[in-house]
Protein backbone atom coordinates (compact mmCIF):
# COMPACT_ATOMS: atom_id res chain seq x y z
CA UNK A 1 108.90 114.89 110.46
CA UNK A 2 105.45 113.66 109.65
CA UNK A 3 103.94 110.90 111.78
CA UNK A 4 103.73 107.38 110.50
CA UNK A 5 99.94 107.73 109.96
CA UNK A 6 100.40 110.72 107.80
CA UNK A 7 103.00 108.94 105.92
CA UNK A 8 100.73 106.17 105.09
CA UNK A 9 97.70 108.61 104.30
CA UNK A 10 99.99 110.34 101.76
CA UNK A 11 100.84 107.14 99.88
CA UNK A 12 97.41 105.18 100.46
CA UNK A 13 96.22 105.57 96.88
CA UNK A 14 99.74 104.75 95.22
CA UNK A 15 99.94 101.68 97.80
CA UNK A 16 96.32 100.43 96.74
CA UNK A 17 97.64 100.17 93.08
CA UNK A 18 100.78 98.38 93.95
CA UNK A 19 101.25 94.65 93.18
CA UNK A 20 102.47 92.24 95.78
CA UNK A 21 105.97 91.49 95.54
CA UNK A 22 105.48 87.79 94.88
CA UNK A 23 101.95 86.56 94.04
CA UNK A 24 103.23 82.99 94.91
CA UNK A 25 104.30 83.78 98.11
CA UNK A 26 101.18 85.83 99.04
CA UNK A 27 98.96 83.07 97.96
CA UNK A 28 100.92 80.44 100.05
CA UNK A 29 100.45 82.83 103.07
CA UNK A 30 96.80 83.03 102.47
CA UNK A 31 96.59 79.07 102.15
CA UNK A 32 98.19 78.50 105.18
CA UNK A 33 96.11 80.94 107.14
CA UNK A 34 92.91 79.72 105.72
CA UNK A 35 93.70 76.28 107.26
CA UNK A 36 93.10 77.93 110.55
CA UNK A 37 89.51 79.09 109.62
CA UNK A 38 86.21 77.65 109.83
CA UNK A 39 82.74 79.13 109.26
CA UNK A 40 82.33 80.19 113.10
CA UNK A 41 85.84 81.92 113.13
CA UNK A 42 85.96 85.46 114.51
CA UNK A 43 89.13 87.20 113.29
CA UNK A 44 90.93 90.44 113.96
CA UNK A 45 93.56 92.14 111.88
CA UNK A 46 95.67 95.06 112.70
CA UNK A 47 97.67 97.09 110.46
CA UNK A 48 95.38 96.02 107.62
CA UNK A 49 96.25 98.49 105.10
CA UNK A 50 93.78 98.80 102.25
CA UNK A 51 92.04 95.62 103.37
CA UNK A 52 93.06 93.15 100.70
CA UNK A 53 93.76 90.31 102.83
CA UNK A 54 90.90 90.66 105.12
CA UNK A 55 88.62 90.89 102.21
CA UNK A 56 90.15 87.74 100.58
CA UNK A 57 89.73 85.77 103.89
CA UNK A 58 85.88 87.02 104.58
CA UNK A 59 84.42 84.26 102.72
CA UNK A 60 85.89 81.45 104.96
CA UNK A 61 84.96 83.15 108.33
CA UNK A 62 82.12 84.27 110.43
CA UNK A 63 83.41 87.81 111.20
CA UNK A 64 86.49 89.85 110.53
CA UNK A 65 87.30 93.12 112.36
CA UNK A 66 90.26 95.16 110.77
CA UNK A 67 92.07 98.26 111.95
CA UNK A 68 94.56 100.63 110.45
CA UNK A 69 95.63 103.90 111.90
CA UNK A 70 95.65 105.42 108.45
CA UNK A 71 92.43 106.98 107.43
CA UNK A 72 93.35 106.90 103.87
CA UNK A 73 93.98 103.37 103.89
CA UNK A 74 90.67 102.63 105.64
CA UNK A 75 88.64 104.80 103.40
CA UNK A 76 90.00 102.48 100.50
CA UNK A 77 89.25 99.39 102.36
CA UNK A 78 85.79 100.44 102.94
CA UNK A 79 85.28 101.36 99.22
CA UNK A 80 86.57 97.90 98.27
CA UNK A 81 84.40 96.24 100.74
CA UNK A 82 81.25 98.17 99.55
CA UNK A 83 82.20 97.15 95.93
CA UNK A 84 82.21 93.50 96.98
CA UNK A 85 78.92 93.93 99.16
CA UNK A 86 80.40 92.03 101.98
CA UNK A 87 78.52 92.43 105.45
CA UNK A 88 81.04 90.35 107.62
CA UNK A 89 83.89 92.48 107.61
CA UNK A 90 84.44 95.84 109.55
CA UNK A 91 87.06 98.35 108.98
CA UNK A 92 88.11 100.96 111.65
CA UNK A 93 90.69 103.65 112.01
CA UNK A 94 92.54 102.99 115.09
CA UNK A 95 96.25 102.87 116.26
CA UNK A 96 97.29 99.33 117.59
CA UNK A 97 97.40 100.90 121.04
CA UNK A 98 93.70 102.00 120.82
CA UNK A 99 92.41 98.74 119.82
CA UNK A 100 89.92 97.04 122.19
CA UNK A 101 91.84 93.58 122.69
CA UNK A 102 88.91 91.85 124.50
CA UNK A 103 90.05 88.78 126.36
CA UNK A 104 89.30 85.31 124.85
CA UNK A 105 87.48 86.86 121.90
CA UNK A 106 89.11 85.92 118.65
CA UNK A 107 90.01 82.71 116.86
CA UNK A 108 92.91 84.18 114.81
CA UNK A 109 94.63 87.63 114.94
CA UNK A 110 96.59 88.75 111.92
CA UNK A 111 99.44 91.29 111.85
CA UNK A 112 100.90 91.52 108.18
CA UNK A 113 103.77 93.71 107.48
CA UNK A 114 103.31 95.42 110.70
CA UNK A 115 105.27 94.15 113.82
CA UNK A 116 108.44 95.94 112.12
CA UNK A 117 106.38 99.13 112.11
CA UNK A 118 105.18 99.07 115.61
CA UNK A 119 106.94 99.76 118.98
CA UNK A 120 106.38 98.05 122.25
CA UNK A 121 105.81 94.73 120.60
CA UNK A 122 106.11 92.88 123.88
CA UNK A 123 102.83 94.80 124.95
CA UNK A 124 101.11 94.12 121.68
CA UNK A 125 101.82 90.35 121.64
CA UNK A 126 100.64 90.11 125.32
CA UNK A 127 97.48 91.97 124.20
CA UNK A 128 96.83 89.64 121.28
CA UNK A 129 97.68 86.58 123.39
CA UNK A 130 95.09 87.53 125.87
CA UNK A 131 92.58 88.43 123.41
CA UNK A 132 92.88 84.88 121.48
CA UNK A 133 90.52 82.12 122.62
CA UNK A 134 92.40 78.94 124.05
CA UNK A 135 94.07 77.35 121.06
CA UNK A 136 93.74 80.43 118.94
CA UNK A 137 96.47 81.53 116.38
CA UNK A 138 98.44 84.73 115.87
CA UNK A 139 99.44 85.01 112.26
CA UNK A 140 102.21 87.59 111.05
CA UNK A 141 104.39 88.68 108.36
CA UNK A 142 107.28 90.56 109.44
CA UNK A 143 110.26 92.28 107.87
CA UNK A 144 113.51 91.16 109.86
CA UNK A 145 115.44 94.38 109.20
CA UNK A 146 118.56 92.98 111.21
CA UNK A 147 119.11 90.31 108.74
CA UNK A 148 118.91 92.47 105.49
CA UNK A 149 121.96 93.84 103.80
CA UNK A 150 123.81 96.86 105.31
CA UNK A 151 122.86 99.03 102.65
CA UNK A 152 119.08 98.60 103.61
CA UNK A 153 119.82 98.68 107.34
CA UNK A 154 121.40 102.08 106.98
CA UNK A 155 119.01 103.65 104.22
CA UNK A 156 115.65 103.00 105.92
CA UNK A 157 116.61 105.15 109.12
CA UNK A 158 117.91 108.09 106.83
CA UNK A 159 114.55 107.82 104.69
CA UNK A 160 112.39 107.75 107.95
CA UNK A 161 114.17 110.89 109.13
CA UNK A 162 113.06 113.18 106.15
CA UNK A 163 109.62 111.36 106.09
CA UNK A 164 110.29 109.26 103.10
CA UNK A 165 109.77 106.00 104.94
CA UNK A 166 108.00 104.82 107.99
CA UNK A 167 109.88 104.47 111.33
CA UNK A 168 111.06 100.86 111.75
CA UNK A 169 111.70 98.38 114.47
CA UNK A 170 114.47 96.03 113.74
CA UNK A 171 114.96 92.49 114.80
CA UNK A 172 115.93 89.04 113.58
CA UNK A 173 113.59 86.38 112.67
CA UNK A 174 114.94 84.24 115.70
CA UNK A 175 114.20 87.39 118.04
CA UNK A 176 110.62 87.57 116.95
CA UNK A 177 110.18 83.86 117.43
CA UNK A 178 111.53 84.05 120.84
CA UNK A 179 109.46 87.12 121.79
CA UNK A 180 106.44 85.09 120.79
CA UNK A 181 107.53 82.25 122.94
CA UNK A 182 108.32 84.52 125.88
CA UNK A 183 104.58 85.87 125.60
CA UNK A 184 103.54 82.11 126.07
CA UNK A 185 102.88 81.23 122.29
CA UNK A 186 103.85 78.02 120.92
CA UNK A 187 105.29 78.05 117.25
CA UNK A 188 102.99 76.45 114.93
CA UNK A 189 104.47 77.55 111.58
CA UNK A 190 107.67 79.57 110.96
CA UNK A 191 108.54 80.18 107.38
CA UNK A 192 111.53 82.37 106.50
CA UNK A 193 110.67 82.30 102.75
CA UNK A 194 113.73 84.84 101.88
CA UNK A 195 116.40 86.50 103.96
CA UNK A 196 114.76 89.24 106.16
CA UNK A 197 111.39 88.04 105.85
CA UNK A 198 109.30 85.87 108.29
CA UNK A 199 105.84 84.53 108.23
CA UNK A 200 104.84 83.01 111.44
CA UNK A 201 101.91 81.25 112.97
CA UNK A 202 101.79 80.83 116.79
CA UNK A 203 99.18 79.36 118.96
CA UNK A 204 97.87 80.22 122.38
């Protein structure tokens, strides 16, 4: 079976051309996130994909460093960055386990459509919590697979077993919220905009 990084490398160009499922919901997420920013904000994103969200947010912050473990995704992100001639965004190829989560460094850390694709979320959230400045925010969008219909819950592992889908970590919205609380976060905004989907802002 291919590794997850290879899966995303192979679909990176197709992924880059794919429209977001709901533009209205995406723009609302952007708006809620941008309310956390100011001109001095230092932001990290992990699981940044082709960099769309980081690039949209870049005019509102001082600096964004964004990571993804797919070299194909990061190649496209850097192409888009160069086309826009932006100097305050850095894209790097790194798995979340290898990211340097420097203590008390970031005002906002973003993880969109990624926590259901990672393992050891307890450790990841602890690293993110420590890397945030006091009062900083963790912003995530997650697929809550346990809340989706039984067909999807059964299909995804089957597709993953033959390399047609990434490996998935399953949880409910409440389980993800509780995991943030156990890490020490306060819940700032929890928006379940459809069954099986959670947009979450948590504050250190």
